[in-house]
Amino acid sequence: MKRALVVDDALTVRLYHRQLLEAIGFEVEEAANGIEALEKGLSTPTPFDLFLVDVNMPKMDGYRLVAEMRQSQELQAIPVIMVSTESRPRGRDLALQTGANLYLVKPANGALLQQQAQLLVGAIEQ
């Protein structure tokens, strides 16, 4: 079973993303900010296969989280989908430069998010 960490400061968004990922067979854990996500990512006995990360969060935002992940030997290869209300190209460009694999604008299309998650973890062929 593939494992995902949903990182967002909004509980309703975490629950929505959890439901989408669980519907396609992911085991899902949640974190409310980047610091909590890093701690969970580094301390879990079974590594995550995917991080679904919000951009704007307290304590540590999504850009900094992804940058930290890309510097960490344990986390650097884990695919990251960033999801944000920021629809301007600058937000997307910064996310990809920081190391995100994909950038979606909230509210993310559920079917697209599910398809991209499966593609990134190798659960379906392109």
C-alpha atoms as a PDB file:
ATOM      1  CA  MET A   1       0.000   0.000   0.000  1.00  0.00           C
ATOM      2  CA  LYS A   2       1.289   3.454  -0.933  1.00  0.00           C
ATOM      3  CA  ARG A   3       1.594   6.028   1.843  1.00  0.00           C
ATOM      4  CA  ALA A   4       0.957   9.775   1.576  1.00  0.00           C
ATOM      5  CA  LEU A   5       1.427  12.694   3.944  1.00  0.00           C
ATOM      6  CA  VAL A   6      -1.115  15.494   3.488  1.00  0.00           C
ATOM      7  CA  VAL A   7       0.318  18.796   4.771  1.00  0.00           C
ATOM      8  CA  ASP A   8      -2.087  21.718   5.170  1.00  0.00           C
ATOM      9  CA  ASP A   9      -3.004  24.041   8.039  1.00  0.00           C
ATOM     10  CA  ALA A  10      -6.714  23.812   7.133  1.00  0.00           C
ATOM     11  CA  LEU A  11      -8.415  20.746   8.610  1.00  0.00           C
ATOM     12  CA  THR A  12     -11.144  20.718   5.955  1.00  0.00           C
ATOM     13  CA  VAL A  13      -8.564  20.669   3.156  1.00  0.00           C
ATOM     14  CA  ARG A  14      -6.631  17.858   4.857  1.00  0.00           C
ATOM     15  CA  LEU A  15      -9.833  15.820   5.162  1.00  0.00           C
ATOM     16  CA  TYR A  16     -10.741  16.439   1.505  1.00  0.00           C
ATOM     17  CA  HIS A  17      -7.297  15.406   0.271  1.00  0.00           C
ATOM     18  CA  ARG A  18      -7.290  12.421   2.639  1.00  0.00           C
ATOM     19  CA  GLN A  19     -10.600  11.208   1.181  1.00  0.00           C
ATOM     20  CA  LEU A  20      -9.339  11.597  -2.393  1.00  0.00           C
ATOM     21  CA  LEU A  21      -6.156   9.638  -1.696  1.00  0.00           C
ATOM     22  CA  GLU A  22      -7.779   6.940   0.430  1.00  0.00           C
ATOM     23  CA  ALA A  23     -10.322   6.378  -2.379  1.00  0.00           C
ATOM     24  CA  ILE A  24      -7.454   5.278  -4.642  1.00  0.00           C
ATOM     25  CA  GLY A  25      -5.823   3.043  -2.057  1.00  0.00           C
ATOM     26  CA  PHE A  26      -3.361   5.300  -0.228  1.00  0.00           C
ATOM     27  CA  GLU A  27      -2.729   5.079   3.496  1.00  0.00           C
ATOM     28  CA  VAL A  28      -2.804   8.728   4.589  1.00  0.00           C
ATOM     29  CA  GLU A  29      -1.311  10.652   7.488  1.00  0.00           C
ATOM     30  CA  GLU A  30      -1.673  14.376   8.100  1.00  0.00           C
ATOM     31  CA  ALA A  31       0.467  17.292   9.247  1.00  0.00           C
ATOM     32  CA  ALA A  32      -0.687  20.856   9.958  1.00  0.00           C
ATOM     33  CA  ASN A  33       2.548  22.633   8.948  1.00  0.00           C
ATOM     34  CA  GLY A  34       5.980  22.089   7.431  1.00  0.00           C
ATOM     35  CA  ILE A  35       7.773  21.465  10.718  1.00  0.00           C
ATOM     36  CA  GLU A  36       5.321  18.726  11.688  1.00  0.00           C
ATOM     37  CA  ALA A  37       5.633  17.251   8.184  1.00  0.00           C
ATOM     38  CA  LEU A  38       9.431  17.108   8.378  1.00  0.00           C
ATOM     39  CA  GLU A  39       9.272  15.467  11.805  1.00  0.00           C
ATOM     40  CA  LYS A  40       6.792  12.841  10.565  1.00  0.00           C
ATOM     41  CA  GLY A  41       8.730  12.263   7.363  1.00  0.00           C
ATOM     42  CA  LEU A  42      12.004  11.718   9.194  1.00  0.00           C
ATOM     43  CA  SER A  43      10.641   9.659  12.091  1.00  0.00           C
ATOM     44  CA  THR A  44       8.286   7.228  10.373  1.00  0.00           C
ATOM     45  CA  PRO A  45       9.470   3.608  10.221  1.00  0.00           C
ATOM     46  CA  THR A  46       7.736   3.177   6.843  1.00  0.00           C
ATOM     47  CA  PRO A  47       8.646   5.954   4.395  1.00  0.00           C
ATOM     48  CA  PHE A  48       6.007   8.011   2.629  1.00  0.00           C
ATOM     49  CA  ASP A  49       5.590   7.572  -1.127  1.00  0.00           C
ATOM     50  CA  LEU A  50       4.087  11.029  -1.678  1.00  0.00           C
ATOM     51  CA  PHE A  51       3.771  14.421   0.024  1.00  0.00           C
ATOM     52  CA  LEU A  52       0.762  16.620  -0.792  1.00  0.00           C
ATOM     53  CA  VAL A  53       1.771  20.085   0.417  1.00  0.00           C
ATOM     54  CA  ASP A  54      -0.015  23.420   0.851  1.00  0.00           C
ATOM     55  CA  VAL A  55       2.026  26.562   0.183  1.00  0.00           C
ATOM     56  CA  ASN A  56       0.780  29.023   2.826  1.00  0.00           C
ATOM     57  CA  MET A  57       1.106  27.584   6.340  1.00  0.00           C
ATOM     58  CA  PRO A  58       2.278  28.900   9.713  1.00  0.00           C
ATOM     59  CA  LYS A  59       5.662  27.926  11.218  1.00  0.00           C
ATOM     60  CA  MET A  60       7.090  26.626   7.911  1.00  0.00           C
ATOM     61  CA  ASP A  61       5.523  27.206   4.506  1.00  0.00           C
ATOM     62  CA  GLY A  62       5.370  24.692   1.681  1.00  0.00           C
ATOM     63  CA  TYR A  63       8.282  26.176  -0.265  1.00  0.00           C
ATOM     64  CA  ARG A  64      10.608  25.876   2.709  1.00  0.00           C
ATOM     65  CA  LEU A  65       9.345  22.359   3.468  1.00  0.00           C
ATOM     66  CA  VAL A  66      10.102  21.187  -0.075  1.00  0.00           C
ATOM     67  CA  ALA A  67      13.515  22.879  -0.010  1.00  0.00           C
ATOM     68  CA  GLU A  68      14.315  21.105   3.285  1.00  0.00           C
ATOM     69  CA  MET A  69      13.107  17.791   1.856  1.00  0.00           C
ATOM     70  CA  ARG A  70      15.364  18.149  -1.187  1.00  0.00           C
ATOM     71  CA  GLN A  71      18.345  18.674   1.158  1.00  0.00           C
ATOM     72  CA  SER A  72      17.500  15.582   3.233  1.00  0.00           C
ATOM     73  CA  GLN A  73      18.939  12.243   2.166  1.00  0.00           C
ATOM     74  CA  GLU A  74      15.897  10.444   3.619  1.00  0.00           C
ATOM     75  CA  LEU A  75      13.267  12.644   1.963  1.00  0.00           C
ATOM     76  CA  GLN A  76      14.850  14.031  -1.212  1.00  0.00           C
ATOM     77  CA  ALA A  77      13.450  11.432  -3.626  1.00  0.00           C
ATOM     78  CA  ILE A  78       9.828  11.538  -2.388  1.00  0.00           C
ATOM     79  CA  PRO A  79       7.491  13.101  -4.982  1.00  0.00           C
ATOM     80  CA  VAL A  80       5.731  16.302  -3.917  1.00  0.00           C
ATOM     81  CA  ILE A  81       2.485  17.767  -5.208  1.00  0.00           C
ATOM     82  CA  MET A  82       2.056  21.372  -4.071  1.00  0.00           C
ATOM     83  CA  VAL A  83      -1.491  22.668  -3.842  1.00  0.00           C
ATOM     84  CA  SER A  84      -2.162  26.363  -3.365  1.00  0.00           C
ATOM     85  CA  THR A  85      -4.691  29.122  -3.839  1.00  0.00           C
ATOM     86  CA  GLU A  86      -1.873  31.012  -5.597  1.00  0.00           C
ATOM     87  CA  SER A  87      -2.814  30.838  -9.278  1.00  0.00           C
ATOM     88  CA  ARG A  88      -0.182  33.257 -10.591  1.00  0.00           C
ATOM     89  CA  PRO A  89       2.660  31.708 -12.607  1.00  0.00           C
ATOM     90  CA  ARG A  90       5.199  32.978 -10.060  1.00  0.00           C
ATOM     91  CA  GLY A  91       3.859  30.604  -7.376  1.00  0.00           C
ATOM     92  CA  ARG A  92       3.998  27.630  -9.708  1.00  0.00           C
ATOM     93  CA  ASP A  93       7.478  28.536 -10.946  1.00  0.00           C
ATOM     94  CA  LEU A  94       8.788  28.928  -7.403  1.00  0.00           C
ATOM     95  CA  ALA A  95       7.269  25.586  -6.369  1.00  0.00           C
ATOM     96  CA  LEU A  96       8.940  23.773  -9.268  1.00  0.00           C
ATOM     97  CA  GLN A  97      12.277  25.561  -8.728  1.00  0.00           C
ATOM     98  CA  THR A  98      12.153  24.562  -5.068  1.00  0.00           C
ATOM     99  CA  GLY A  99      11.741  20.913  -6.038  1.00  0.00           C
ATOM    100  CA  ALA A 100       8.024  20.167  -6.245  1.00  0.00           C
ATOM    101  CA  ASN A 101       7.078  17.641  -8.921  1.00  0.00           C
ATOM    102  CA  LEU A 102       3.676  19.171  -9.637  1.00  0.00           C
ATOM    103  CA  TYR A 103       1.708  22.313  -8.767  1.00  0.00           C
ATOM    104  CA  LEU A 104      -2.102  22.391  -8.591  1.00  0.00           C
ATOM    105  CA  VAL A 105      -4.370  25.351  -7.801  1.00  0.00           C
ATOM    106  CA  LYS A 106      -7.020  24.986  -5.079  1.00  0.00           C
ATOM    107  CA  PRO A 107      -9.612  23.762  -5.179  1.00  0.00           C
ATOM    108  CA  ALA A 108      -7.789  20.955  -6.956  1.00  0.00           C
ATOM    109  CA  ASN A 109      -9.777  18.853  -9.392  1.00  0.00           C
ATOM    110  CA  GLY A 110     -10.223  15.581  -7.486  1.00  0.00           C
ATOM    111  CA  ALA A 111      -9.854  13.252 -10.467  1.00  0.00           C
ATOM    112  CA  LEU A 112      -6.746  15.098 -11.694  1.00  0.00           C
ATOM    113  CA  LEU A 113      -5.160  15.024  -8.243  1.00  0.00           C
ATOM    114  CA  GLN A 114      -5.837  11.277  -7.963  1.00  0.00           C
ATOM    115  CA  GLN A 115      -4.417  10.588 -11.424  1.00  0.00           C
ATOM    116  CA  GLN A 116      -1.281  12.653 -10.810  1.00  0.00           C
ATOM    117  CA  ALA A 117      -0.727  11.063  -7.391  1.00  0.00           C
ATOM    118  CA  GLN A 118      -0.896   7.600  -8.948  1.00  0.00           C
ATOM    119  CA  LEU A 119       1.457   8.598 -11.753  1.00  0.00           C
ATOM    120  CA  LEU A 120       4.026  10.075  -9.344  1.00  0.00           C
ATOM    121  CA  VAL A 121       4.159   6.948  -7.183  1.00  0.00           C
ATOM    122  CA  GLY A 122       4.182   4.581 -10.146  1.00  0.00           C
ATOM    123  CA  ALA A 123       0.760   3.094  -9.413  1.00  0.00           C
ATOM    124  CA  ILE A 124      -0.362   3.577 -13.024  1.00  0.00           C
ATOM    125  CA  GLU A 125       1.466   3.857 -16.326  1.00  0.00           C
ATOM    126  CA  GLN A 126       1.416   7.062 -18.364  1.00  0.00           C
END
